[in-house]
Amino acid sequence: MGVIELIADVLSIITISLCLILKIPQIINLIKLKSAVGINLYSLLLELTSYSIMTCYNYCNSYALLSYMEYPIILVQEIVLIFLVLKYMGFLGTNSFACFGLYIAITGAFLCGLLPKTILAVLAPMCTPVSASSKVVQLIEILRTKNAESVSILTWFLSAFTNFTRVFTIYMDSADVTLLVNFSVSVFLSSSVMLSAIYYKHPKMS
């Protein structure tokens, strides 16, 4: 194995490891501040949709768990994050629990094979624009409110960094243009959210 290949393998391990704690800083930040100002709920729901589809798609196609293990782990963190945002926005109620029940039912139907995986094959390619849209929506929210007090800079740094390492590892492995464009766009958008969060971390009082 060459030096470049070894570096790519090490970066892959680092990427998966960081994904295990990707949303933890944001969760801790919310609990500490008890406020969700500057965080866009629709952005989180778009992320939830993307992670759910990719988890179900990989599982239903019997792919090796290690090849997509970060998805279900981030998914659990995402659900906790959405719960906290709903709670601090005052939206936690019967309707939100009903929607969560529907989400569990649909996801379970895919995982148990009750719904055809051909649906997932159609939905999977849409995850790239959905994921990008979630970042754009969050960026707009910060710029609109000019307040990023509740936004975790570390979470977005980890997002940008792991996407950047994926650009390198994919280039070394397959040089798949679609994947390279996907992760390159994610690096740019995650970095944009991070820089905006840094700038508006301590909003000026009018």
N, C-alpha and C. Protein backbone atom coordinates (compact mmCIF):
# COMPACT_ATOMS: atom_id res chain seq x y z
N MET A 1 0.85 -1.21 0.00
CA MET A 1 0.00 0.00 0.00
C MET A 1 0.88 1.25 0.00
N GLY A 2 0.59 2.21 -0.92
CA GLY A 2 1.38 3.42 -1.01
C GLY A 2 1.02 4.41 0.08
N VAL A 3 1.85 5.46 0.19
CA VAL A 3 1.64 6.47 1.22
C VAL A 3 0.31 7.19 1.02
N ILE A 4 -0.02 7.52 -0.24
CA ILE A 4 -1.26 8.24 -0.53
C ILE A 4 -2.47 7.40 -0.14
N GLU A 5 -2.42 6.10 -0.47
CA GLU A 5 -3.53 5.20 -0.12
C GLU A 5 -3.69 5.08 1.39
N LEU A 6 -2.54 5.04 2.10
CA LEU A 6 -2.57 4.96 3.56
C LEU A 6 -3.19 6.22 4.16
N ILE A 7 -2.83 7.37 3.61
CA ILE A 7 -3.39 8.64 4.07
C ILE A 7 -4.90 8.65 3.85
N ALA A 8 -5.34 8.15 2.69
CA ALA A 8 -6.76 8.10 2.37
C ALA A 8 -7.52 7.21 3.36
N ASP A 9 -6.93 6.06 3.71
CA ASP A 9 -7.56 5.15 4.67
C ASP A 9 -7.66 5.79 6.05
N VAL A 10 -6.58 6.47 6.47
CA VAL A 10 -6.58 7.13 7.78
C VAL A 10 -7.63 8.23 7.82
N LEU A 11 -7.73 8.99 6.72
CA LEU A 11 -8.73 10.06 6.65
C LEU A 11 -10.15 9.50 6.70
N SER A 12 -10.35 8.34 6.09
CA SER A 12 -11.68 7.71 6.11
C SER A 12 -12.07 7.34 7.54
N ILE A 13 -11.10 6.78 8.28
CA ILE A 13 -11.35 6.40 9.67
C ILE A 13 -11.64 7.64 10.51
N ILE A 14 -10.87 8.71 10.29
CA ILE A 14 -11.07 9.96 11.02
C ILE A 14 -12.45 10.53 10.71
N THR A 15 -12.85 10.47 9.44
CA THR A 15 -14.14 11.00 9.01
C THR A 15 -15.29 10.29 9.71
N ILE A 16 -15.25 8.94 9.70
CA ILE A 16 -16.30 8.16 10.35
C ILE A 16 -16.33 8.44 11.85
N SER A 17 -15.15 8.54 12.46
CA SER A 17 -15.05 8.78 13.90
C SER A 17 -15.66 10.14 14.28
N LEU A 18 -15.36 11.16 13.47
CA LEU A 18 -15.90 12.49 13.75
C LEU A 18 -17.40 12.55 13.54
N CYS A 19 -17.91 11.74 12.60
CA CYS A 19 -19.35 11.72 12.37
C CYS A 19 -20.10 11.18 13.59
N LEU A 20 -19.41 10.40 14.42
CA LEU A 20 -20.03 9.85 15.62
C LEU A 20 -20.41 10.95 16.61
N ILE A 21 -19.72 12.09 16.53
CA ILE A 21 -19.98 13.19 17.47
C ILE A 21 -20.37 14.48 16.73
N LEU A 22 -20.72 14.35 15.45
CA LEU A 22 -20.95 15.52 14.61
C LEU A 22 -21.94 16.52 15.20
N LYS A 23 -23.07 16.04 15.69
CA LYS A 23 -24.13 16.92 16.18
C LYS A 23 -24.08 17.16 17.70
N ILE A 24 -23.18 16.46 18.38
CA ILE A 24 -23.10 16.57 19.85
C ILE A 24 -22.83 18.00 20.32
N PRO A 25 -21.86 18.72 19.70
CA PRO A 25 -21.63 20.11 20.15
C PRO A 25 -22.87 20.98 20.02
N GLN A 26 -23.65 20.77 18.93
CA GLN A 26 -24.87 21.56 18.75
C GLN A 26 -25.92 21.21 19.79
N ILE A 27 -26.03 19.92 20.12
CA ILE A 27 -26.98 19.47 21.14
C ILE A 27 -26.63 20.08 22.50
N ILE A 28 -25.34 20.03 22.84
CA ILE A 28 -24.88 20.58 24.11
C ILE A 28 -25.13 22.09 24.17
N ASN A 29 -24.90 22.76 23.05
CA ASN A 29 -25.10 24.21 22.98
C ASN A 29 -26.56 24.58 23.22
N LEU A 30 -27.47 23.80 22.64
CA LEU A 30 -28.90 24.06 22.82
C LEU A 30 -29.33 23.87 24.27
N ILE A 31 -28.86 22.77 24.87
CA ILE A 31 -29.21 22.48 26.26
C ILE A 31 -28.67 23.56 27.18
N LYS A 32 -27.47 24.04 26.87
CA LYS A 32 -26.84 25.07 27.69
C LYS A 32 -27.58 26.40 27.61
N LEU A 33 -27.96 26.82 26.39
CA LEU A 33 -28.60 28.12 26.19
C LEU A 33 -30.11 28.09 26.36
N LYS A 34 -30.68 26.86 26.17
CA LYS A 34 -32.14 26.70 26.21
C LYS A 34 -32.82 27.66 25.24
N SER A 35 -32.20 27.81 24.08
CA SER A 35 -32.71 28.68 23.03
C SER A 35 -32.32 28.12 21.68
N ALA A 36 -33.21 28.28 20.68
CA ALA A 36 -32.94 27.77 19.33
C ALA A 36 -32.91 28.92 18.33
N VAL A 37 -32.65 30.13 18.80
CA VAL A 37 -32.59 31.30 17.93
C VAL A 37 -31.44 31.12 16.92
N GLY A 38 -31.74 31.33 15.65
CA GLY A 38 -30.72 31.21 14.62
C GLY A 38 -30.65 29.83 13.99
N ILE A 39 -31.39 28.87 14.55
CA ILE A 39 -31.42 27.52 13.99
C ILE A 39 -32.73 27.33 13.24
N ASN A 40 -32.63 26.88 12.00
CA ASN A 40 -33.82 26.71 11.16
C ASN A 40 -34.34 25.28 11.24
N LEU A 41 -35.58 25.13 11.67
CA LEU A 41 -36.20 23.81 11.82
C LEU A 41 -36.31 23.08 10.49
N TYR A 42 -36.63 23.81 9.43
CA TYR A 42 -36.78 23.18 8.12
C TYR A 42 -35.45 22.60 7.63
N SER A 43 -34.36 23.27 7.98
CA SER A 43 -33.03 22.77 7.63
C SER A 43 -32.78 21.41 8.28
N LEU A 44 -33.16 21.30 9.56
CA LEU A 44 -32.98 20.04 10.29
C LEU A 44 -33.87 18.94 9.71
N LEU A 45 -35.09 19.29 9.31
CA LEU A 45 -36.00 18.30 8.74
C LEU A 45 -35.51 17.81 7.38
N LEU A 46 -34.89 18.70 6.61
CA LEU A 46 -34.30 18.31 5.33
C LEU A 46 -33.14 17.34 5.55
N GLU A 47 -32.32 17.65 6.57
CA GLU A 47 -31.21 16.75 6.91
C GLU A 47 -31.73 15.40 7.36
N LEU A 48 -32.78 15.41 8.18
CA LEU A 48 -33.39 14.18 8.66
C LEU A 48 -33.87 13.32 7.49
N THR A 49 -34.49 13.96 6.52
CA THR A 49 -34.98 13.26 5.33
C THR A 49 -33.83 12.62 4.57
N SER A 50 -32.77 13.39 4.37
CA SER A 50 -31.61 12.89 3.62
C SER A 50 -30.95 11.70 4.33
N TYR A 51 -30.70 11.84 5.63
CA TYR A 51 -30.05 10.76 6.39
C TYR A 51 -30.93 9.51 6.45
N SER A 52 -32.24 9.72 6.58
CA SER A 52 -33.17 8.58 6.67
C SER A 52 -33.19 7.79 5.36
N ILE A 53 -33.26 8.51 4.25
CA ILE A 53 -33.29 7.85 2.95
C ILE A 53 -32.00 7.06 2.71
N MET A 54 -30.86 7.68 3.03
CA MET A 54 -29.58 7.01 2.78
C MET A 54 -29.40 5.80 3.69
N THR A 55 -29.88 5.90 4.94
CA THR A 55 -29.79 4.76 5.85
C THR A 55 -30.63 3.60 5.34
N CYS A 56 -31.87 3.89 4.97
CA CYS A 56 -32.78 2.85 4.46
C CYS A 56 -32.27 2.27 3.14
N TYR A 57 -31.75 3.13 2.29
CA TYR A 57 -31.25 2.69 0.98
C TYR A 57 -30.10 1.71 1.14
N ASN A 58 -29.14 2.05 2.00
CA ASN A 58 -27.98 1.18 2.22
C ASN A 58 -28.39 -0.13 2.89
N TYR A 59 -29.26 -0.03 3.90
CA TYR A 59 -29.70 -1.23 4.62
C TYR A 59 -30.48 -2.17 3.71
N CYS A 60 -31.41 -1.63 2.94
CA CYS A 60 -32.25 -2.45 2.07
C CYS A 60 -31.47 -3.09 0.92
N ASN A 61 -30.32 -2.51 0.59
CA ASN A 61 -29.47 -3.09 -0.45
C ASN A 61 -28.39 -3.99 0.13
N SER A 62 -28.49 -4.22 1.47
CA SER A 62 -27.57 -5.14 2.16
C SER A 62 -26.10 -4.75 2.02
N TYR A 63 -25.84 -3.44 2.00
CA TYR A 63 -24.45 -2.99 1.94
C TYR A 63 -23.79 -3.20 3.30
N ALA A 64 -22.47 -3.28 3.30
CA ALA A 64 -21.73 -3.48 4.54
C ALA A 64 -21.99 -2.33 5.51
N LEU A 65 -22.25 -2.65 6.77
CA LEU A 65 -22.61 -1.64 7.77
C LEU A 65 -21.53 -0.56 7.90
N LEU A 66 -20.27 -0.98 7.83
CA LEU A 66 -19.17 -0.02 8.00
C LEU A 66 -19.14 1.01 6.88
N SER A 67 -19.74 0.69 5.74
CA SER A 67 -19.72 1.62 4.61
C SER A 67 -20.73 2.75 4.76
N TYR A 68 -21.67 2.60 5.70
CA TYR A 68 -22.66 3.67 5.89
C TYR A 68 -23.02 3.88 7.36
N MET A 69 -22.18 3.38 8.26
CA MET A 69 -22.47 3.41 9.69
C MET A 69 -22.69 4.82 10.22
N GLU A 70 -22.03 5.82 9.59
CA GLU A 70 -22.20 7.18 10.10
C GLU A 70 -23.62 7.70 9.93
N TYR A 71 -24.33 7.22 8.91
CA TYR A 71 -25.69 7.71 8.65
C TYR A 71 -26.66 7.43 9.82
N PRO A 72 -26.82 6.16 10.26
CA PRO A 72 -27.75 5.93 11.38
C PRO A 72 -27.33 6.60 12.67
N ILE A 73 -26.01 6.74 12.88
CA ILE A 73 -25.54 7.38 14.11
C ILE A 73 -25.85 8.88 14.09
N ILE A 74 -25.61 9.52 12.94
CA ILE A 74 -25.95 10.94 12.81
C ILE A 74 -27.46 11.11 12.89
N LEU A 75 -28.19 10.13 12.37
CA LEU A 75 -29.65 10.17 12.36
C LEU A 75 -30.21 10.25 13.78
N VAL A 76 -29.67 9.46 14.68
CA VAL A 76 -30.11 9.49 16.08
C VAL A 76 -29.84 10.87 16.69
N GLN A 77 -28.66 11.41 16.40
CA GLN A 77 -28.31 12.74 16.90
C GLN A 77 -29.24 13.80 16.33
N GLU A 78 -29.60 13.63 15.06
CA GLU A 78 -30.49 14.59 14.39
C GLU A 78 -31.87 14.60 15.03
N ILE A 79 -32.37 13.43 15.40
CA ILE A 79 -33.69 13.33 16.03
C ILE A 79 -33.68 14.03 17.39
N VAL A 80 -32.61 13.82 18.16
CA VAL A 80 -32.46 14.49 19.46
C VAL A 80 -32.42 16.01 19.26
N LEU A 81 -31.69 16.43 18.24
CA LEU A 81 -31.54 17.86 17.94
C LEU A 81 -32.89 18.49 17.57
N ILE A 82 -33.66 17.80 16.74
CA ILE A 82 -34.97 18.30 16.34
C ILE A 82 -35.91 18.38 17.55
N PHE A 83 -35.83 17.38 18.41
CA PHE A 83 -36.65 17.38 19.64
C PHE A 83 -36.35 18.63 20.47
N LEU A 84 -35.07 18.94 20.64
CA LEU A 84 -34.67 20.09 21.46
C LEU A 84 -35.11 21.41 20.81
N VAL A 85 -34.95 21.51 19.49
CA VAL A 85 -35.35 22.73 18.78
C VAL A 85 -36.86 22.93 18.91
N LEU A 86 -37.63 21.85 18.73
CA LEU A 86 -39.09 21.94 18.89
C LEU A 86 -39.45 22.37 20.31
N LYS A 87 -38.72 21.82 21.28
CA LYS A 87 -38.99 22.14 22.68
C LYS A 87 -38.73 23.62 22.98
N TYR A 88 -37.58 24.12 22.54
CA TYR A 88 -37.22 25.49 22.86
C TYR A 88 -37.93 26.51 21.99
N MET A 89 -38.53 26.05 20.88
CA MET A 89 -39.34 26.94 20.05
C MET A 89 -40.81 26.92 20.49
N GLY A 90 -41.13 26.00 21.40
CA GLY A 90 -42.48 25.90 21.89
C GLY A 90 -43.42 25.15 20.96
N PHE A 91 -42.85 24.33 20.07
CA PHE A 91 -43.66 23.58 19.10
C PHE A 91 -43.88 22.13 19.49
N LEU A 92 -43.36 21.74 20.65
CA LEU A 92 -43.46 20.34 21.06
C LEU A 92 -44.86 20.08 21.59
N GLY A 93 -45.59 19.21 20.89
CA GLY A 93 -46.97 18.92 21.29
C GLY A 93 -47.49 17.68 20.60
N THR A 94 -48.80 17.52 20.61
CA THR A 94 -49.44 16.33 20.03
C THR A 94 -49.11 16.16 18.55
N ASN A 95 -49.15 17.26 17.81
CA ASN A 95 -48.89 17.19 16.37
C ASN A 95 -47.47 16.72 16.06
N SER A 96 -46.50 17.23 16.82
CA SER A 96 -45.12 16.85 16.57
C SER A 96 -44.88 15.37 16.89
N PHE A 97 -45.52 14.88 17.96
CA PHE A 97 -45.37 13.46 18.30
C PHE A 97 -46.08 12.58 17.27
N ALA A 98 -47.20 13.08 16.73
CA ALA A 98 -47.93 12.34 15.69
C ALA A 98 -47.09 12.24 14.42
N CYS A 99 -46.43 13.33 14.07
CA CYS A 99 -45.55 13.34 12.89
C CYS A 99 -44.37 12.40 13.09
N PHE A 100 -43.85 12.38 14.32
CA PHE A 100 -42.73 11.47 14.61
C PHE A 100 -43.18 10.02 14.49
N GLY A 101 -44.39 9.73 14.96
CA GLY A 101 -44.93 8.38 14.83
C GLY A 101 -45.08 7.97 13.38
N LEU A 102 -45.54 8.90 12.54
CA LEU A 102 -45.67 8.63 11.11
C LEU A 102 -44.30 8.39 10.48
N TYR A 103 -43.32 9.18 10.90
CA TYR A 103 -41.95 9.02 10.41
C TYR A 103 -41.41 7.63 10.76
N ILE A 104 -41.61 7.20 12.01
CA ILE A 104 -41.16 5.88 12.45
C ILE A 104 -41.85 4.78 11.64
N ALA A 105 -43.14 4.94 11.39
CA ALA A 105 -43.92 3.94 10.65
C ALA A 105 -43.40 3.79 9.22
N ILE A 106 -43.15 4.93 8.55
CA ILE A 106 -42.68 4.89 7.16
C ILE A 106 -41.26 4.32 7.09
N THR A 107 -40.40 4.78 8.00
CA THR A 107 -39.02 4.28 8.02
C THR A 107 -38.99 2.78 8.32
N GLY A 108 -39.80 2.36 9.29
CA GLY A 108 -39.88 0.94 9.64
C GLY A 108 -40.40 0.10 8.49
N ALA A 109 -41.34 0.65 7.72
CA ALA A 109 -41.91 -0.07 6.57
C ALA A 109 -40.84 -0.32 5.51
N PHE A 110 -39.97 0.66 5.31
CA PHE A 110 -38.87 0.48 4.35
C PHE A 110 -37.87 -0.56 4.86
N LEU A 111 -37.49 -0.45 6.15
CA LEU A 111 -36.50 -1.35 6.72
C LEU A 111 -36.99 -2.79 6.78
N CYS A 112 -38.30 -2.97 6.95
CA CYS A 112 -38.88 -4.32 7.04
C CYS A 112 -39.29 -4.89 5.68
N GLY A 113 -39.11 -4.08 4.64
CA GLY A 113 -39.44 -4.55 3.30
C GLY A 113 -40.91 -4.45 2.96
N LEU A 114 -41.69 -3.74 3.77
CA LEU A 114 -43.12 -3.58 3.49
C LEU A 114 -43.36 -2.60 2.34
N LEU A 115 -42.42 -1.70 2.15
CA LEU A 115 -42.47 -0.78 1.02
C LEU A 115 -41.34 -1.14 0.06
N PRO A 116 -41.58 -1.10 -1.25
CA PRO A 116 -40.56 -1.51 -2.23
C PRO A 116 -39.33 -0.63 -2.20
N LYS A 117 -38.15 -1.26 -2.29
CA LYS A 117 -36.91 -0.48 -2.24
C LYS A 117 -36.66 0.29 -3.54
N THR A 118 -37.48 0.02 -4.55
CA THR A 118 -37.37 0.80 -5.79
C THR A 118 -37.70 2.28 -5.52
N ILE A 119 -38.55 2.51 -4.52
CA ILE A 119 -38.87 3.89 -4.12
C ILE A 119 -37.61 4.57 -3.61
N LEU A 120 -36.83 3.83 -2.82
CA LEU A 120 -35.58 4.37 -2.28
C LEU A 120 -34.58 4.64 -3.39
N ALA A 121 -34.58 3.78 -4.41
CA ALA A 121 -33.67 3.96 -5.54
C ALA A 121 -33.97 5.27 -6.27
N VAL A 122 -35.24 5.65 -6.27
CA VAL A 122 -35.65 6.92 -6.89
C VAL A 122 -35.30 8.10 -5.99
N LEU A 123 -35.48 7.90 -4.68
CA LEU A 123 -35.27 8.99 -3.73
C LEU A 123 -33.79 9.27 -3.44
N ALA A 124 -32.95 8.22 -3.48
CA ALA A 124 -31.53 8.35 -3.11
C ALA A 124 -30.80 9.46 -3.88
N PRO A 125 -30.94 9.55 -5.21
CA PRO A 125 -30.23 10.62 -5.93
C PRO A 125 -30.66 12.02 -5.53
N MET A 126 -31.86 12.13 -4.95
CA MET A 126 -32.37 13.44 -4.55
C MET A 126 -31.74 13.92 -3.24
N CYS A 127 -31.01 13.04 -2.56
CA CYS A 127 -30.43 13.41 -1.27
C CYS A 127 -29.37 14.49 -1.40
N THR A 128 -28.69 14.53 -2.55
CA THR A 128 -27.66 15.56 -2.75
C THR A 128 -28.27 16.96 -2.75
N PRO A 129 -29.28 17.24 -3.59
CA PRO A 129 -29.88 18.58 -3.53
C PRO A 129 -30.61 18.85 -2.21
N VAL A 130 -31.17 17.81 -1.60
CA VAL A 130 -31.86 17.99 -0.32
C VAL A 130 -30.86 18.40 0.76
N SER A 131 -29.72 17.71 0.79
CA SER A 131 -28.67 18.02 1.77
C SER A 131 -28.13 19.43 1.56
N ALA A 132 -27.90 19.79 0.30
CA ALA A 132 -27.41 21.14 -0.01
C ALA A 132 -28.44 22.19 0.39
N SER A 133 -29.70 21.90 0.13
CA SER A 133 -30.78 22.84 0.47
C SER A 133 -30.86 23.09 1.97
N SER A 134 -30.62 22.02 2.76
CA SER A 134 -30.67 22.17 4.22
C SER A 134 -29.62 23.16 4.71
N LYS A 135 -28.45 23.14 4.07
CA LYS A 135 -27.38 24.06 4.46
C LYS A 135 -27.68 25.48 4.01
N VAL A 136 -28.25 25.60 2.81
CA VAL A 136 -28.62 26.92 2.29
C VAL A 136 -29.68 27.56 3.18
N VAL A 137 -30.68 26.77 3.59
CA VAL A 137 -31.75 27.26 4.45
C VAL A 137 -31.19 27.74 5.79
N GLN A 138 -30.24 26.98 6.35
CA GLN A 138 -29.64 27.37 7.62
C GLN A 138 -28.81 28.65 7.47
N LEU A 139 -28.09 28.75 6.36
CA LEU A 139 -27.29 29.95 6.10
C LEU A 139 -28.19 31.18 5.99
N ILE A 140 -29.29 31.04 5.27
CA ILE A 140 -30.25 32.15 5.12
C ILE A 140 -30.83 32.55 6.47
N GLU A 141 -31.10 31.54 7.33
CA GLU A 141 -31.65 31.83 8.66
C GLU A 141 -30.71 32.69 9.49
N ILE A 142 -29.42 32.36 9.45
CA ILE A 142 -28.43 33.13 10.20
C ILE A 142 -28.33 34.55 9.66
N LEU A 143 -28.30 34.67 8.33
CA LEU A 143 -28.19 35.99 7.71
C LEU A 143 -29.45 36.81 7.94
N ARG A 144 -30.60 36.15 8.00
CA ARG A 144 -31.87 36.84 8.21
C ARG A 144 -32.00 37.37 9.63
N THR A 145 -31.67 36.51 10.60
CA THR A 145 -31.82 36.90 12.00
C THR A 145 -30.62 37.67 12.53
N LYS A 146 -29.48 37.54 11.80
CA LYS A 146 -28.22 38.15 12.26
C LYS A 146 -27.90 37.71 13.69
N ASN A 147 -28.25 36.46 13.99
CA ASN A 147 -28.04 35.91 15.32
C ASN A 147 -27.70 34.43 15.21
N ALA A 148 -26.50 34.06 15.66
CA ALA A 148 -26.08 32.66 15.60
C ALA A 148 -25.66 32.15 16.97
N GLU A 149 -26.25 32.76 18.00
CA GLU A 149 -25.87 32.42 19.37
C GLU A 149 -26.10 30.93 19.67
N SER A 150 -27.17 30.36 19.12
CA SER A 150 -27.50 28.96 19.39
C SER A 150 -26.81 27.98 18.44
N VAL A 151 -26.15 28.51 17.42
CA VAL A 151 -25.52 27.66 16.41
C VAL A 151 -24.12 27.25 16.87
N SER A 152 -23.84 25.96 16.79
CA SER A 152 -22.53 25.46 17.20
C SER A 152 -21.53 25.59 16.05
N ILE A 153 -20.51 26.40 16.26
CA ILE A 153 -19.46 26.58 15.25
C ILE A 153 -18.69 25.27 15.06
N LEU A 154 -18.48 24.55 16.15
CA LEU A 154 -17.73 23.30 16.08
C LEU A 154 -18.43 22.26 15.21
N THR A 155 -19.75 22.18 15.33
CA THR A 155 -20.51 21.22 14.52
C THR A 155 -20.33 21.51 13.03
N TRP A 156 -20.39 22.78 12.65
CA TRP A 156 -20.24 23.13 11.23
C TRP A 156 -18.80 23.01 10.77
N PHE A 157 -17.85 23.22 11.68
CA PHE A 157 -16.44 22.97 11.33
C PHE A 157 -16.22 21.49 11.04
N LEU A 158 -16.78 20.63 11.91
CA LEU A 158 -16.66 19.19 11.70
C LEU A 158 -17.33 18.76 10.40
N SER A 159 -18.45 19.38 10.08
CA SER A 159 -19.16 19.09 8.84
C SER A 159 -18.29 19.45 7.63
N ALA A 160 -17.72 20.64 7.66
CA ALA A 160 -16.87 21.09 6.55
C ALA A 160 -15.63 20.21 6.44
N PHE A 161 -15.02 19.89 7.57
CA PHE A 161 -13.79 19.09 7.57
C PHE A 161 -14.03 17.67 7.06
N THR A 162 -15.10 17.02 7.55
CA THR A 162 -15.37 15.65 7.12
C THR A 162 -15.75 15.59 5.63
N ASN A 163 -16.45 16.61 5.16
CA ASN A 163 -16.77 16.65 3.73
C ASN A 163 -15.51 16.87 2.90
N PHE A 164 -14.59 17.69 3.42
CA PHE A 164 -13.32 17.93 2.73
C PHE A 164 -12.48 16.65 2.65
N THR A 165 -12.43 15.90 3.74
CA THR A 165 -11.66 14.65 3.72
C THR A 165 -12.29 13.65 2.76
N ARG A 166 -13.62 13.68 2.65
CA ARG A 166 -14.30 12.79 1.70
C ARG A 166 -13.95 13.14 0.26
N VAL A 167 -13.75 14.41 -0.03
CA VAL A 167 -13.33 14.82 -1.37
C VAL A 167 -12.00 14.13 -1.71
N PHE A 168 -11.08 14.15 -0.78
CA PHE A 168 -9.77 13.54 -0.99
C PHE A 168 -9.87 12.03 -1.13
N THR A 169 -10.59 11.39 -0.19
CA THR A 169 -10.66 9.92 -0.21
C THR A 169 -11.41 9.40 -1.44
N ILE A 170 -12.46 10.11 -1.86
CA ILE A 170 -13.20 9.68 -3.05
C ILE A 170 -12.36 9.88 -4.31
N TYR A 171 -11.61 10.97 -4.35
CA TYR A 171 -10.72 11.21 -5.50
C TYR A 171 -9.69 10.10 -5.62
N MET A 172 -9.16 9.65 -4.47
CA MET A 172 -8.17 8.59 -4.47
C MET A 172 -8.79 7.23 -4.79
N ASP A 173 -10.05 7.04 -4.38
CA ASP A 173 -10.68 5.73 -4.53
C ASP A 173 -11.33 5.53 -5.90
N SER A 174 -12.22 6.45 -6.28
CA SER A 174 -12.97 6.24 -7.52
C SER A 174 -12.99 7.46 -8.44
N ALA A 175 -12.69 8.63 -7.89
CA ALA A 175 -12.75 9.88 -8.66
C ALA A 175 -14.12 10.08 -9.29
N ASP A 176 -15.16 9.58 -8.60
CA ASP A 176 -16.53 9.71 -9.08
C ASP A 176 -16.90 11.20 -9.10
N VAL A 177 -17.16 11.72 -10.30
CA VAL A 177 -17.41 13.16 -10.47
C VAL A 177 -18.63 13.62 -9.69
N THR A 178 -19.71 12.81 -9.72
CA THR A 178 -20.93 13.18 -9.02
C THR A 178 -20.69 13.33 -7.52
N LEU A 179 -19.98 12.35 -6.94
CA LEU A 179 -19.68 12.41 -5.51
C LEU A 179 -18.73 13.55 -5.18
N LEU A 180 -17.75 13.80 -6.06
CA LEU A 180 -16.80 14.88 -5.82
C LEU A 180 -17.51 16.23 -5.82
N VAL A 181 -18.42 16.42 -6.77
CA VAL A 181 -19.18 17.67 -6.83
C VAL A 181 -20.05 17.81 -5.59
N ASN A 182 -20.70 16.70 -5.20
CA ASN A 182 -21.57 16.70 -4.03
C ASN A 182 -20.82 17.15 -2.77
N PHE A 183 -19.68 16.51 -2.50
CA PHE A 183 -18.94 16.83 -1.28
C PHE A 183 -18.24 18.19 -1.37
N SER A 184 -17.85 18.60 -2.58
CA SER A 184 -17.23 19.92 -2.75
C SER A 184 -18.24 21.03 -2.44
N VAL A 185 -19.46 20.85 -2.93
CA VAL A 185 -20.53 21.81 -2.64
C VAL A 185 -20.81 21.84 -1.14
N SER A 186 -20.80 20.66 -0.51
CA SER A 186 -21.05 20.57 0.93
C SER A 186 -19.97 21.28 1.72
N VAL A 187 -18.70 21.15 1.26
CA VAL A 187 -17.59 21.84 1.93
C VAL A 187 -17.83 23.35 1.89
N PHE A 188 -18.19 23.85 0.71
CA PHE A 188 -18.42 25.29 0.54
C PHE A 188 -19.57 25.79 1.41
N LEU A 189 -20.69 25.05 1.39
CA LEU A 189 -21.87 25.49 2.13
C LEU A 189 -21.67 25.38 3.64
N SER A 190 -21.06 24.27 4.09
CA SER A 190 -20.80 24.11 5.53
C SER A 190 -19.84 25.18 6.03
N SER A 191 -18.83 25.50 5.21
CA SER A 191 -17.88 26.55 5.57
C SER A 191 -18.56 27.90 5.63
N SER A 192 -19.51 28.13 4.71
CA SER A 192 -20.24 29.40 4.68
C SER A 192 -21.09 29.56 5.94
N VAL A 193 -21.76 28.47 6.35
CA VAL A 193 -22.56 28.50 7.58
C VAL A 193 -21.66 28.76 8.78
N MET A 194 -20.51 28.07 8.82
CA MET A 194 -19.56 28.22 9.93
C MET A 194 -19.07 29.67 10.04
N LEU A 195 -18.66 30.25 8.91
CA LEU A 195 -18.15 31.62 8.92
C LEU A 195 -19.24 32.62 9.31
N SER A 196 -20.46 32.38 8.84
CA SER A 196 -21.58 33.25 9.20
C SER A 196 -21.87 33.14 10.70
N ALA A 197 -21.77 31.89 11.22
CA ALA A 197 -22.01 31.67 12.65
C ALA A 197 -20.95 32.38 13.49
N ILE A 198 -19.72 32.38 13.02
CA ILE A 198 -18.63 33.07 13.73
C ILE A 198 -18.91 34.58 13.76
N TYR A 199 -19.32 35.10 12.61
CA TYR A 199 -19.56 36.55 12.48
C TYR A 199 -20.73 37.01 13.34
N TYR A 200 -21.79 36.20 13.37
CA TYR A 200 -23.00 36.59 14.10
C TYR A 200 -23.14 35.88 15.45
N LYS A 201 -22.04 35.33 15.95
CA LYS A 201 -22.11 34.55 17.21
C LYS A 201 -22.58 35.42 18.37
N HIS A 202 -22.11 36.63 18.38
CA HIS A 202 -22.52 37.55 19.45
C HIS A 202 -23.21 38.75 18.80
N PRO A 203 -24.52 38.64 18.55
CA PRO A 203 -25.25 39.71 17.85
C PRO A 203 -25.19 41.04 18.57
N LYS A 204 -25.07 42.08 17.77
CA LYS A 204 -25.02 43.44 18.35
C LYS A 204 -26.42 43.84 18.79
N MET A 205 -26.51 44.38 19.97
CA MET A 205 -27.81 44.84 20.51
C MET A 205 -28.14 46.19 19.89
N SER A 206 -29.38 46.29 19.36
CA SER A 206 -29.78 47.57 18.74
C SER A 206 -30.25 48.55 19.82
